[in-house]
Amino acid sequence: MSSETADESEVSDTYEVVVVGGGPGGLTTALYTTRLNHDTALIDRGGGRAAMMVDTHNVIGVPEETSGNEFLSTAKDQLDYYGTDLYQDFVTDVAHSDEDGVQFEVETAGGEQFLTESVVFSTGFSDGHPDPPLPRTGKGLHYCLHCDGYMFRDESVYVMGHDEGAAHVAMILLNFTDDVDLLLREEEPQWSDETDELVRAHPIDLIDTEIDSMFKEDDGWLGGFEFEDGTVREYKGGFAMYGSNYNNDLADALGCELNDDGNIIVDEDGKTNVDGVYAVGDITPGGNQIPIAMGKGAKAGISLHMEMREFPKSLDELETAQAPQATADDD
């Protein structure tokens, strides 16, 4: 039952699983745990990286023209159908609980409080954004080469940035087009000497000058940029490479181990170093793709089921449960 339509008194605040974040990984985990008969709540503040998608790419069975919001909305409708409790709220704290039978207490900005046996973080990350002028995200400004490189085949394309990632994305784009510019925007390159030699050896134009303005096509897509030195360059679109800000504060405060990039470290099933805590999707190491996040979510959901299910029991457990209980008359 969705919390948006349920009376407060009808919604339990104790769950076997609470999923924090409504990206593709968290949604998939909640789908699995719910369908595997575990009381599950999903708390999502809304927005996120997937919601920004104008079109959905690389998800088999999902039409390209499906927007990110449509994709996520359909997933939540599925969860609601199967019985996941959905809350649109922002989680402010996750802490170990002193209550019997539960491990964690989850609090939200809306004043809700949940007790749960297990927590799943699907909190993702935010891309670092360059300063304007910029085209609209999804119509000339992009962040995922594996998602959107295909649309720039044989087109003029830019990469904004000045670190190792920007240099390597610019070189990779040459597999799609031979017209690639690397826009430094008056920033000094931060890549290594080896990368500097390599990127300058590729057929890539490095543009030092800052952008003065941009112009668009009639359909709203980027047309190109005018630079402060007066030059004009036309682009179909391009990629901004300014790092990632991982939403790991809750997991860090709970004691989850992080790597140097800020990802939550997990095993192959999504388990963290904290008992009862899982993480899935872009907050974990690996490729930032919807199908990858969904796969991680599925594995975590199955692992949670294996941890929580009551049956099968061992023979010793069954015999103990079936043994007659001693009474005062037996003494």
C-alpha atoms as a PDB file:
ATOM      1  CA  MET A   1       0.000   0.000   0.000  1.00  0.00           C
ATOM      2  CA  SER A   2       1.460   3.366  -1.002  1.00  0.00           C
ATOM      3  CA  SER A   3       1.906   5.842   1.827  1.00  0.00           C
ATOM      4  CA  GLU A   4       0.540   8.551  -0.451  1.00  0.00           C
ATOM      5  CA  THR A   5      -2.955   7.039  -0.200  1.00  0.00           C
ATOM      6  CA  ALA A   6      -2.794   5.018   3.028  1.00  0.00           C
ATOM      7  CA  ASP A   7      -4.059   6.270   6.373  1.00  0.00           C
ATOM      8  CA  GLU A   8      -1.148   6.809   8.768  1.00  0.00           C
ATOM      9  CA  SER A   9      -2.555   4.338  11.290  1.00  0.00           C
ATOM     10  CA  GLU A  10      -2.637   1.634   8.597  1.00  0.00           C
ATOM     11  CA  VAL A  11       1.050   1.888   7.717  1.00  0.00           C
ATOM     12  CA  SER A  12       3.445  -0.087   9.884  1.00  0.00           C
ATOM     13  CA  ASP A  13       6.721   1.564  10.840  1.00  0.00           C
ATOM     14  CA  THR A  14       8.525  -1.770  11.250  1.00  0.00           C
ATOM     15  CA  TYR A  15       9.910  -3.592   8.224  1.00  0.00           C
ATOM     16  CA  GLU A  16      12.246  -6.396   7.346  1.00  0.00           C
ATOM     17  CA  VAL A  17      13.880  -4.223   4.664  1.00  0.00           C
ATOM     18  CA  VAL A  18      14.078  -0.453   4.207  1.00  0.00           C
ATOM     19  CA  VAL A  19      15.543   0.759   0.914  1.00  0.00           C
ATOM     20  CA  VAL A  20      16.951   4.294   1.000  1.00  0.00           C
ATOM     21  CA  GLY A  21      16.835   5.826  -2.484  1.00  0.00           C
ATOM     22  CA  GLY A  22      14.668   5.180  -5.516  1.00  0.00           C
ATOM     23  CA  GLY A  23      17.133   4.659  -8.356  1.00  0.00           C
ATOM     24  CA  PRO A  24      17.041   1.574 -10.605  1.00  0.00           C
ATOM     25  CA  GLY A  25      19.158  -0.463  -8.164  1.00  0.00           C
ATOM     26  CA  GLY A  26      17.055   0.312  -5.113  1.00  0.00           C
ATOM     27  CA  LEU A  27      13.792  -0.186  -6.990  1.00  0.00           C
ATOM     28  CA  THR A  28      14.940  -3.607  -8.166  1.00  0.00           C
ATOM     29  CA  THR A  29      16.025  -4.648  -4.669  1.00  0.00           C
ATOM     30  CA  ALA A  30      12.628  -3.636  -3.305  1.00  0.00           C
ATOM     31  CA  LEU A  31      10.859  -5.548  -6.079  1.00  0.00           C
ATOM     32  CA  TYR A  32      12.760  -8.728  -5.239  1.00  0.00           C
ATOM     33  CA  THR A  33      12.390  -8.525  -1.458  1.00  0.00           C
ATOM     34  CA  THR A  34       8.693  -7.713  -1.732  1.00  0.00           C
ATOM     35  CA  ARG A  35       8.001 -10.565  -4.147  1.00  0.00           C
ATOM     36  CA  LEU A  36      10.068 -12.881  -1.938  1.00  0.00           C
ATOM     37  CA  ASN A  37       7.565 -12.151   0.841  1.00  0.00           C
ATOM     38  CA  HIS A  38       9.508  -9.705   3.001  1.00  0.00           C
ATOM     39  CA  ASP A  39       7.898  -6.537   4.361  1.00  0.00           C
ATOM     40  CA  THR A  40       9.668  -3.771   2.457  1.00  0.00           C
ATOM     41  CA  ALA A  41       9.589   0.025   2.454  1.00  0.00           C
ATOM     42  CA  LEU A  42      11.275   2.271  -0.098  1.00  0.00           C
ATOM     43  CA  ILE A  43      12.008   5.887   0.824  1.00  0.00           C
ATOM     44  CA  ASP A  44      12.808   8.156  -2.107  1.00  0.00           C
ATOM     45  CA  ARG A  45      13.304  11.918  -2.068  1.00  0.00           C
ATOM     46  CA  GLY A  46      12.656  12.127  -5.829  1.00  0.00           C
ATOM     47  CA  GLY A  47      14.922  13.356  -8.591  1.00  0.00           C
ATOM     48  CA  GLY A  48      18.303  11.698  -9.022  1.00  0.00           C
ATOM     49  CA  ARG A  49      20.464  10.918 -12.003  1.00  0.00           C
ATOM     50  CA  ALA A  50      18.010   8.579 -13.733  1.00  0.00           C
ATOM     51  CA  ALA A  51      15.207  11.148 -13.471  1.00  0.00           C
ATOM     52  CA  MET A  52      17.294  13.554 -15.560  1.00  0.00           C
ATOM     53  CA  MET A  53      17.265  11.282 -18.602  1.00  0.00           C
ATOM     54  CA  VAL A  54      15.415  12.668 -21.617  1.00  0.00           C
ATOM     55  CA  ASP A  55      15.525   9.202 -23.203  1.00  0.00           C
ATOM     56  CA  THR A  56      16.294   5.759 -21.806  1.00  0.00           C
ATOM     57  CA  HIS A  57      19.180   3.976 -23.516  1.00  0.00           C
ATOM     58  CA  ASN A  58      20.630   0.465 -23.271  1.00  0.00           C
ATOM     59  CA  VAL A  59      17.734  -1.036 -21.304  1.00  0.00           C
ATOM     60  CA  ILE A  60      16.454  -3.982 -23.291  1.00  0.00           C
ATOM     61  CA  GLY A  61      12.686  -3.990 -23.689  1.00  0.00           C
ATOM     62  CA  VAL A  62      12.328  -0.290 -22.819  1.00  0.00           C
ATOM     63  CA  PRO A  63      11.677   2.019 -25.814  1.00  0.00           C
ATOM     64  CA  GLU A  64      14.263   4.751 -26.380  1.00  0.00           C
ATOM     65  CA  GLU A  65      11.653   7.516 -26.138  1.00  0.00           C
ATOM     66  CA  THR A  66      10.848   6.554 -22.528  1.00  0.00           C
ATOM     67  CA  SER A  67      12.019   9.368 -20.260  1.00  0.00           C
ATOM     68  CA  GLY A  68      13.787   8.746 -16.989  1.00  0.00           C
ATOM     69  CA  ASN A  69      10.773   9.936 -15.014  1.00  0.00           C
ATOM     70  CA  GLU A  70       8.475   7.612 -16.972  1.00  0.00           C
ATOM     71  CA  PHE A  71      10.840   4.701 -16.378  1.00  0.00           C
ATOM     72  CA  LEU A  72      10.987   5.340 -12.629  1.00  0.00           C
ATOM     73  CA  SER A  73       7.246   5.960 -12.346  1.00  0.00           C
ATOM     74  CA  THR A  74       6.460   2.640 -14.027  1.00  0.00           C
ATOM     75  CA  ALA A  75       8.835   0.860 -11.631  1.00  0.00           C
ATOM     76  CA  LYS A  76       7.137   2.421  -8.600  1.00  0.00           C
ATOM     77  CA  ASP A  77       3.734   1.397  -9.952  1.00  0.00           C
ATOM     78  CA  GLN A  78       5.028  -2.187 -10.058  1.00  0.00           C
ATOM     79  CA  LEU A  79       6.267  -1.982  -6.472  1.00  0.00           C
ATOM     80  CA  ASP A  80       2.963  -0.542  -5.314  1.00  0.00           C
ATOM     81  CA  TYR A  81       1.101  -3.361  -7.074  1.00  0.00           C
ATOM     82  CA  TYR A  82       3.115  -6.038  -5.253  1.00  0.00           C
ATOM     83  CA  GLY A  83       2.869  -4.348  -1.857  1.00  0.00           C
ATOM     84  CA  THR A  84       6.002  -2.307  -1.239  1.00  0.00           C
ATOM     85  CA  ASP A  85       5.259   0.706   0.984  1.00  0.00           C
ATOM     86  CA  LEU A  86       6.462   3.793  -0.869  1.00  0.00           C
ATOM     87  CA  TYR A  87       7.401   7.029   0.874  1.00  0.00           C
ATOM     88  CA  GLN A  88       8.461  10.266  -0.806  1.00  0.00           C
ATOM     89  CA  ASP A  89      10.728  11.699   1.848  1.00  0.00           C
ATOM     90  CA  PHE A  90      14.373  12.449   2.596  1.00  0.00           C
ATOM     91  CA  VAL A  91      16.244  10.162   4.995  1.00  0.00           C
ATOM     92  CA  THR A  92      18.206  12.217   7.512  1.00  0.00           C
ATOM     93  CA  ASP A  93      19.627   9.494   9.750  1.00  0.00           C
ATOM     94  CA  VAL A  94      20.207   5.755   9.902  1.00  0.00           C
ATOM     95  CA  ALA A  95      21.458   4.409  13.227  1.00  0.00           C
ATOM     96  CA  HIS A  96      21.763   1.141  15.098  1.00  0.00           C
ATOM     97  CA  SER A  97      18.640   0.429  17.167  1.00  0.00           C
ATOM     98  CA  ASP A  98      18.278  -0.766  20.744  1.00  0.00           C
ATOM     99  CA  GLU A  99      14.829  -2.219  20.029  1.00  0.00           C
ATOM    100  CA  ASP A 100      14.464  -5.998  20.320  1.00  0.00           C
ATOM    101  CA  GLY A 101      14.232  -7.832  17.007  1.00  0.00           C
ATOM    102  CA  VAL A 102      15.389  -4.951  14.803  1.00  0.00           C
ATOM    103  CA  GLN A 103      18.826  -3.643  13.913  1.00  0.00           C
ATOM    104  CA  PHE A 104      18.308  -0.130  12.586  1.00  0.00           C
ATOM    105  CA  GLU A 105      16.292   3.024  13.087  1.00  0.00           C
ATOM    106  CA  VAL A 106      15.656   5.211  10.041  1.00  0.00           C
ATOM    107  CA  GLU A 107      14.500   8.815  10.401  1.00  0.00           C
ATOM    108  CA  THR A 108      13.272  11.192   7.698  1.00  0.00           C
ATOM    109  CA  ALA A 109      12.955  14.934   7.218  1.00  0.00           C
ATOM    110  CA  GLY A 110       9.185  14.476   7.209  1.00  0.00           C
ATOM    111  CA  GLY A 111       9.238  13.172  10.774  1.00  0.00           C
ATOM    112  CA  GLU A 112       8.752   9.504   9.921  1.00  0.00           C
ATOM    113  CA  GLN A 113      10.599   6.829  11.897  1.00  0.00           C
ATOM    114  CA  PHE A 114      11.127   3.250  10.757  1.00  0.00           C
ATOM    115  CA  LEU A 115      12.546   0.192  12.479  1.00  0.00           C
ATOM    116  CA  THR A 116      14.060  -2.457  10.239  1.00  0.00           C
ATOM    117  CA  GLU A 117      16.167  -5.598  10.180  1.00  0.00           C
ATOM    118  CA  SER A 118      18.100  -4.535   7.064  1.00  0.00           C
ATOM    119  CA  VAL A 119      18.949  -1.310   5.243  1.00  0.00           C
ATOM    120  CA  VAL A 120      19.789  -0.956   1.550  1.00  0.00           C
ATOM    121  CA  PHE A 121      21.503   2.230   0.367  1.00  0.00           C
ATOM    122  CA  SER A 122      20.703   3.217  -3.211  1.00  0.00           C
ATOM    123  CA  THR A 123      21.700   6.848  -2.825  1.00  0.00           C
ATOM    124  CA  GLY A 124      23.784   7.264  -5.982  1.00  0.00           C
ATOM    125  CA  PHE A 125      25.824  10.333  -6.808  1.00  0.00           C
ATOM    126  CA  SER A 126      25.594  13.751  -8.397  1.00  0.00           C
ATOM    127  CA  ASP A 127      27.677  14.735 -11.400  1.00  0.00           C
ATOM    128  CA  GLY A 128      29.901  17.760 -11.038  1.00  0.00           C
ATOM    129  CA  HIS A 129      28.501  20.539 -13.223  1.00  0.00           C
ATOM    130  CA  PRO A 130      30.535  23.114 -15.149  1.00  0.00           C
ATOM    131  CA  ASP A 131      29.630  26.794 -15.070  1.00  0.00           C
ATOM    132  CA  PRO A 132      27.132  28.178 -17.603  1.00  0.00           C
ATOM    133  CA  PRO A 133      26.542  28.839 -20.422  1.00  0.00           C
ATOM    134  CA  LEU A 134      25.392  25.260 -20.937  1.00  0.00           C
ATOM    135  CA  PRO A 135      22.775  23.481 -23.046  1.00  0.00           C
ATOM    136  CA  ARG A 136      19.957  21.519 -21.488  1.00  0.00           C
ATOM    137  CA  THR A 137      20.941  18.177 -19.978  1.00  0.00           C
ATOM    138  CA  GLY A 138      20.041  15.479 -22.492  1.00  0.00           C
ATOM    139  CA  LYS A 139      19.921  17.926 -25.413  1.00  0.00           C
ATOM    140  CA  GLY A 140      23.549  18.753 -25.890  1.00  0.00           C
ATOM    141  CA  LEU A 141      24.923  18.248 -22.364  1.00  0.00           C
ATOM    142  CA  HIS A 142      25.577  14.642 -21.365  1.00  0.00           C
ATOM    143  CA  TYR A 143      27.439  12.766 -18.636  1.00  0.00           C
ATOM    144  CA  CYS A 144      27.522   9.105 -19.668  1.00  0.00           C
ATOM    145  CA  LEU A 145      29.594   8.104 -22.686  1.00  0.00           C
ATOM    146  CA  HIS A 146      28.325   4.519 -22.673  1.00  0.00           C
ATOM    147  CA  CYS A 147      24.732   5.753 -22.662  1.00  0.00           C
ATOM    148  CA  ASP A 148      24.920   8.576 -25.174  1.00  0.00           C
ATOM    149  CA  GLY A 149      28.022   8.123 -27.313  1.00  0.00           C
ATOM    150  CA  TYR A 150      25.940   6.364 -29.964  1.00  0.00           C
ATOM    151  CA  MET A 151      23.921   9.496 -30.775  1.00  0.00           C
ATOM    152  CA  PHE A 152      27.072  11.395 -31.750  1.00  0.00           C
ATOM    153  CA  ARG A 153      28.256   9.091 -34.499  1.00  0.00           C
ATOM    154  CA  ASP A 154      29.847  11.181 -37.272  1.00  0.00           C
ATOM    155  CA  GLU A 155      28.853  14.401 -35.473  1.00  0.00           C
ATOM    156  CA  SER A 156      30.902  17.271 -34.074  1.00  0.00           C
ATOM    157  CA  VAL A 157      31.235  16.717 -30.326  1.00  0.00           C
ATOM    158  CA  TYR A 158      32.949  18.370 -27.352  1.00  0.00           C
ATOM    159  CA  VAL A 159      34.273  17.201 -23.990  1.00  0.00           C
ATOM    160  CA  MET A 160      34.444  19.732 -21.123  1.00  0.00           C
ATOM    161  CA  GLY A 161      36.969  19.144 -18.404  1.00  0.00           C
ATOM    162  CA  HIS A 162      40.647  19.148 -17.554  1.00  0.00           C
ATOM    163  CA  ASP A 163      41.347  15.928 -15.664  1.00  0.00           C
ATOM    164  CA  GLU A 164      42.343  12.380 -16.609  1.00  0.00           C
ATOM    165  CA  GLY A 165      38.725  11.377 -17.147  1.00  0.00           C
ATOM    166  CA  ALA A 166      38.073  14.189 -19.613  1.00  0.00           C
ATOM    167  CA  ALA A 167      41.182  13.357 -21.649  1.00  0.00           C
ATOM    168  CA  HIS A 168      40.304   9.672 -21.889  1.00  0.00           C
ATOM    169  CA  VAL A 169      36.641  10.298 -22.771  1.00  0.00           C
ATOM    170  CA  ALA A 170      37.783  12.604 -25.583  1.00  0.00           C
ATOM    171  CA  MET A 171      40.034   9.867 -26.974  1.00  0.00           C
ATOM    172  CA  ILE A 172      37.309   7.210 -26.642  1.00  0.00           C
ATOM    173  CA  LEU A 173      34.860   9.408 -28.582  1.00  0.00           C
ATOM    174  CA  LEU A 174      37.101   9.034 -31.639  1.00  0.00           C
ATOM    175  CA  ASN A 175      35.532   5.586 -31.973  1.00  0.00           C
ATOM    176  CA  PHE A 176      32.265   7.374 -32.836  1.00  0.00           C
ATOM    177  CA  THR A 177      33.414  10.469 -34.713  1.00  0.00           C
ATOM    178  CA  ASP A 178      36.589  12.084 -36.006  1.00  0.00           C
ATOM    179  CA  ASP A 179      35.485  15.582 -34.902  1.00  0.00           C
ATOM    180  CA  VAL A 180      36.258  15.890 -31.167  1.00  0.00           C
ATOM    181  CA  ASP A 181      37.191  19.051 -29.231  1.00  0.00           C
ATOM    182  CA  LEU A 182      38.407  19.110 -25.627  1.00  0.00           C
ATOM    183  CA  LEU A 183      37.248  22.354 -23.965  1.00  0.00           C
ATOM    184  CA  LEU A 184      39.548  23.344 -21.092  1.00  0.00           C
ATOM    185  CA  ARG A 185      37.728  26.632 -20.380  1.00  0.00           C
ATOM    186  CA  GLU A 186      40.948  28.368 -19.250  1.00  0.00           C
ATOM    187  CA  GLU A 187      41.735  25.630 -16.709  1.00  0.00           C
ATOM    188  CA  GLU A 188      45.182  24.069 -16.554  1.00  0.00           C
ATOM    189  CA  PRO A 189      45.156  20.347 -17.417  1.00  0.00           C
ATOM    190  CA  GLN A 190      45.361  18.143 -14.332  1.00  0.00           C
ATOM    191  CA  TRP A 191      46.236  14.952 -16.171  1.00  0.00           C
ATOM    192  CA  SER A 192      49.626  13.251 -16.084  1.00  0.00           C
ATOM    193  CA  ASP A 193      52.508  13.987 -18.439  1.00  0.00           C
ATOM    194  CA  GLU A 194      51.944  10.605 -20.062  1.00  0.00           C
ATOM    195  CA  THR A 195      48.268  11.394 -20.691  1.00  0.00           C
ATOM    196  CA  ASP A 196      49.187  14.849 -21.989  1.00  0.00           C
ATOM    197  CA  GLU A 197      51.503  13.362 -24.579  1.00  0.00           C
ATOM    198  CA  LEU A 198      48.912  10.741 -25.515  1.00  0.00           C
ATOM    199  CA  VAL A 199      45.914  13.070 -25.891  1.00  0.00           C
ATOM    200  CA  ARG A 200      47.910  15.581 -27.954  1.00  0.00           C
ATOM    201  CA  ALA A 201      48.994  12.756 -30.265  1.00  0.00           C
ATOM    202  CA  HIS A 202      45.335  11.954 -31.043  1.00  0.00           C
ATOM    203  CA  PRO A 203      43.348  13.984 -33.611  1.00  0.00           C
ATOM    204  CA  ILE A 204      41.668  16.104 -30.907  1.00  0.00           C
ATOM    205  CA  ASP A 205      41.557  19.910 -30.766  1.00  0.00           C
ATOM    206  CA  LEU A 206      42.340  21.291 -27.311  1.00  0.00           C
ATOM    207  CA  ILE A 207      40.525  24.614 -26.850  1.00  0.00           C
ATOM    208  CA  ASP A 208      41.881  26.789 -24.036  1.00  0.00           C
ATOM    209  CA  THR A 209      39.581  29.792 -24.456  1.00  0.00           C
ATOM    210  CA  GLU A 210      36.544  30.283 -22.212  1.00  0.00           C
ATOM    211  CA  ILE A 211      33.029  30.031 -23.629  1.00  0.00           C
ATOM    212  CA  ASP A 212      31.246  33.360 -24.072  1.00  0.00           C
ATOM    213  CA  SER A 213      27.808  32.187 -25.214  1.00  0.00           C
ATOM    214  CA  MET A 214      25.949  29.344 -26.876  1.00  0.00           C
ATOM    215  CA  PHE A 215      23.303  29.018 -29.545  1.00  0.00           C
ATOM    216  CA  LYS A 216      20.609  26.364 -30.061  1.00  0.00           C
ATOM    217  CA  GLU A 217      18.834  24.689 -32.934  1.00  0.00           C
ATOM    218  CA  ASP A 218      15.086  25.139 -33.474  1.00  0.00           C
ATOM    219  CA  ASP A 219      14.396  21.837 -31.717  1.00  0.00           C
ATOM    220  CA  GLY A 220      16.141  22.979 -28.541  1.00  0.00           C
ATOM    221  CA  TRP A 221      19.325  20.995 -29.098  1.00  0.00           C
ATOM    222  CA  LEU A 222      22.688  22.693 -28.821  1.00  0.00           C
ATOM    223  CA  GLY A 223      23.955  24.297 -31.999  1.00  0.00           C
ATOM    224  CA  GLY A 224      27.365  25.341 -30.720  1.00  0.00           C
ATOM    225  CA  PHE A 225      29.413  27.805 -28.667  1.00  0.00           C
ATOM    226  CA  GLU A 226      30.934  31.212 -29.278  1.00  0.00           C
ATOM    227  CA  PHE A 227      34.227  31.640 -27.459  1.00  0.00           C
ATOM    228  CA  GLU A 228      35.693  34.778 -25.867  1.00  0.00           C
ATOM    229  CA  ASP A 229      38.253  35.101 -28.665  1.00  0.00           C
ATOM    230  CA  GLY A 230      35.373  35.474 -31.145  1.00  0.00           C
ATOM    231  CA  THR A 231      35.582  32.015 -32.708  1.00  0.00           C
ATOM    232  CA  VAL A 232      32.408  29.971 -33.215  1.00  0.00           C
ATOM    233  CA  ARG A 233      32.299  26.185 -33.171  1.00  0.00           C
ATOM    234  CA  GLU A 234      29.295  24.035 -33.980  1.00  0.00           C
ATOM    235  CA  TYR A 235      28.542  20.934 -31.912  1.00  0.00           C
ATOM    236  CA  LYS A 236      25.783  18.355 -31.877  1.00  0.00           C
ATOM    237  CA  GLY A 237      26.500  17.957 -28.158  1.00  0.00           C
ATOM    238  CA  GLY A 238      29.074  16.692 -25.747  1.00  0.00           C
ATOM    239  CA  PHE A 239      30.087  15.481 -22.318  1.00  0.00           C
ATOM    240  CA  ALA A 240      30.969  17.280 -19.088  1.00  0.00           C
ATOM    241  CA  MET A 241      33.632  15.578 -16.993  1.00  0.00           C
ATOM    242  CA  TYR A 242      33.906  17.313 -13.610  1.00  0.00           C
ATOM    243  CA  GLY A 243      33.891  14.406 -11.219  1.00  0.00           C
ATOM    244  CA  SER A 244      31.200  12.891  -9.028  1.00  0.00           C
ATOM    245  CA  ASN A 245      29.852  13.685  -5.566  1.00  0.00           C
ATOM    246  CA  TYR A 246      28.772  10.438  -3.895  1.00  0.00           C
ATOM    247  CA  ASN A 247      25.832  10.544  -1.483  1.00  0.00           C
ATOM    248  CA  ASN A 248      27.553   8.420   1.152  1.00  0.00           C
ATOM    249  CA  ASP A 249      27.081  10.427   4.369  1.00  0.00           C
ATOM    250  CA  LEU A 250      24.466   8.093   5.872  1.00  0.00           C
ATOM    251  CA  ALA A 251      26.489   4.971   5.103  1.00  0.00           C
ATOM    252  CA  ASP A 252      29.706   6.555   6.356  1.00  0.00           C
ATOM    253  CA  ALA A 253      28.098   7.560   9.659  1.00  0.00           C
ATOM    254  CA  LEU A 254      26.853   3.991  10.080  1.00  0.00           C
ATOM    255  CA  GLY A 255      30.404   2.659   9.691  1.00  0.00           C
ATOM    256  CA  CYS A 256      30.302   1.395   6.113  1.00  0.00           C
ATOM    257  CA  GLU A 257      33.691   1.201   4.456  1.00  0.00           C
ATOM    258  CA  LEU A 258      34.290   3.595   1.539  1.00  0.00           C
ATOM    259  CA  ASN A 259      36.927   3.557  -1.185  1.00  0.00           C
ATOM    260  CA  ASP A 260      39.049   6.547  -2.215  1.00  0.00           C
ATOM    261  CA  ASP A 261      36.461   7.650  -4.786  1.00  0.00           C
ATOM    262  CA  GLY A 262      33.658   7.689  -2.220  1.00  0.00           C
ATOM    263  CA  ASN A 263      31.893   4.488  -3.277  1.00  0.00           C
ATOM    264  CA  ILE A 264      30.488   2.170  -0.616  1.00  0.00           C
ATOM    265  CA  ILE A 265      32.554  -1.021  -0.722  1.00  0.00           C
ATOM    266  CA  VAL A 266      30.407  -4.137  -1.124  1.00  0.00           C
ATOM    267  CA  ASP A 267      30.831  -7.825  -1.917  1.00  0.00           C
ATOM    268  CA  GLU A 268      29.316  -9.491  -4.978  1.00  0.00           C
ATOM    269  CA  ASP A 269      25.889  -9.601  -3.291  1.00  0.00           C
ATOM    270  CA  GLY A 270      25.881  -5.946  -2.245  1.00  0.00           C
ATOM    271  CA  LYS A 271      26.771  -6.578   1.418  1.00  0.00           C
ATOM    272  CA  THR A 272      28.792  -3.906   3.190  1.00  0.00           C
ATOM    273  CA  ASN A 273      31.127  -4.496   6.118  1.00  0.00           C
ATOM    274  CA  VAL A 274      28.243  -3.618   8.484  1.00  0.00           C
ATOM    275  CA  ASP A 275      25.983  -6.570   9.240  1.00  0.00           C
ATOM    276  CA  GLY A 276      22.514  -6.049   7.801  1.00  0.00           C
ATOM    277  CA  VAL A 277      23.527  -3.154   5.528  1.00  0.00           C
ATOM    278  CA  TYR A 278      23.605  -3.431   1.735  1.00  0.00           C
ATOM    279  CA  ALA A 279      24.349  -0.953  -1.044  1.00  0.00           C
ATOM    280  CA  VAL A 280      23.412  -1.083  -4.719  1.00  0.00           C
ATOM    281  CA  GLY A 281      23.573   1.014  -7.862  1.00  0.00           C
ATOM    282  CA  ASP A 282      25.844   3.962  -8.601  1.00  0.00           C
ATOM    283  CA  ILE A 283      26.884   4.422  -4.964  1.00  0.00           C
ATOM    284  CA  THR A 284      28.900   1.187  -5.309  1.00  0.00           C
ATOM    285  CA  PRO A 285      32.015   0.595  -7.457  1.00  0.00           C
ATOM    286  CA  GLY A 286      31.536  -0.347 -11.108  1.00  0.00           C
ATOM    287  CA  GLY A 287      29.830   0.946 -14.226  1.00  0.00           C
ATOM    288  CA  ASN A 288      27.110   3.563 -13.834  1.00  0.00           C
ATOM    289  CA  GLN A 289      24.453   1.987 -16.045  1.00  0.00           C
ATOM    290  CA  ILE A 290      20.784   1.199 -15.440  1.00  0.00           C
ATOM    291  CA  PRO A 291      21.116  -2.519 -16.333  1.00  0.00           C
ATOM    292  CA  ILE A 292      24.185  -2.835 -14.093  1.00  0.00           C
ATOM    293  CA  ALA A 293      22.353  -1.152 -11.205  1.00  0.00           C
ATOM    294  CA  MET A 294      19.340  -3.399 -11.733  1.00  0.00           C
ATOM    295  CA  GLY A 295      21.565  -6.474 -11.698  1.00  0.00           C
ATOM    296  CA  LYS A 296      23.142  -5.349  -8.440  1.00  0.00           C
ATOM    297  CA  GLY A 297      19.688  -4.724  -7.009  1.00  0.00           C
ATOM    298  CA  ALA A 298      18.499  -8.211  -7.987  1.00  0.00           C
ATOM    299  CA  LYS A 299      21.531  -9.884  -6.399  1.00  0.00           C
ATOM    300  CA  ALA A 300      21.079  -7.889  -3.193  1.00  0.00           C
ATOM    301  CA  GLY A 301      17.372  -8.755  -3.049  1.00  0.00           C
ATOM    302  CA  ILE A 302      18.063 -12.463  -3.392  1.00  0.00           C
ATOM    303  CA  SER A 303      20.878 -12.292  -0.827  1.00  0.00           C
ATOM    304  CA  LEU A 304      18.596 -10.538   1.658  1.00  0.00           C
ATOM    305  CA  HIS A 305      16.019 -13.287   1.152  1.00  0.00           C
ATOM    306  CA  MET A 306      18.631 -15.966   1.803  1.00  0.00           C
ATOM    307  CA  GLU A 307      19.605 -14.202   5.021  1.00  0.00           C
ATOM    308  CA  MET A 308      16.072 -13.606   6.330  1.00  0.00           C
ATOM    309  CA  ARG A 309      13.976 -16.587   5.233  1.00  0.00           C
ATOM    310  CA  GLU A 310      12.863 -19.031   7.905  1.00  0.00           C
ATOM    311  CA  PHE A 311      12.873 -22.234   5.851  1.00  0.00           C
ATOM    312  CA  PRO A 312      14.427 -24.655   5.174  1.00  0.00           C
ATOM    313  CA  LYS A 313      15.495 -25.460   8.722  1.00  0.00           C
ATOM    314  CA  SER A 314      18.091 -28.005   9.741  1.00  0.00           C
ATOM    315  CA  LEU A 315      16.982 -31.367  11.113  1.00  0.00           C
ATOM    316  CA  ASP A 316      18.170 -30.343  14.569  1.00  0.00           C
ATOM    317  CA  GLU A 317      16.076 -27.163  14.424  1.00  0.00           C
ATOM    318  CA  LEU A 318      13.001 -29.092  13.296  1.00  0.00           C
ATOM    319  CA  GLU A 319      13.433 -31.734  16.004  1.00  0.00           C
ATOM    320  CA  THR A 320      13.871 -29.053  18.662  1.00  0.00           C
ATOM    321  CA  ALA A 321      10.734 -27.250  17.495  1.00  0.00           C
ATOM    322  CA  GLN A 322       8.711 -30.495  17.485  1.00  0.00           C
ATOM    323  CA  ALA A 323       9.957 -31.789  20.880  1.00  0.00           C
ATOM    324  CA  PRO A 324       7.259 -31.759  23.613  1.00  0.00           C
ATOM    325  CA  GLN A 325       7.682 -28.940  26.095  1.00  0.00           C
ATOM    326  CA  ALA A 326       8.326 -29.859  29.740  1.00  0.00           C
ATOM    327  CA  THR A 327       5.583 -28.969  32.221  1.00  0.00           C
ATOM    328  CA  ALA A 328       5.399 -28.696  35.986  1.00  0.00           C
ATOM    329  CA  ASP A 329       3.723 -32.181  36.121  1.00  0.00           C
ATOM    330  CA  ASP A 330       6.859 -33.694  34.565  1.00  0.00           C
ATOM    331  CA  ASP A 331       8.972 -32.708  37.567  1.00  0.00           C
END
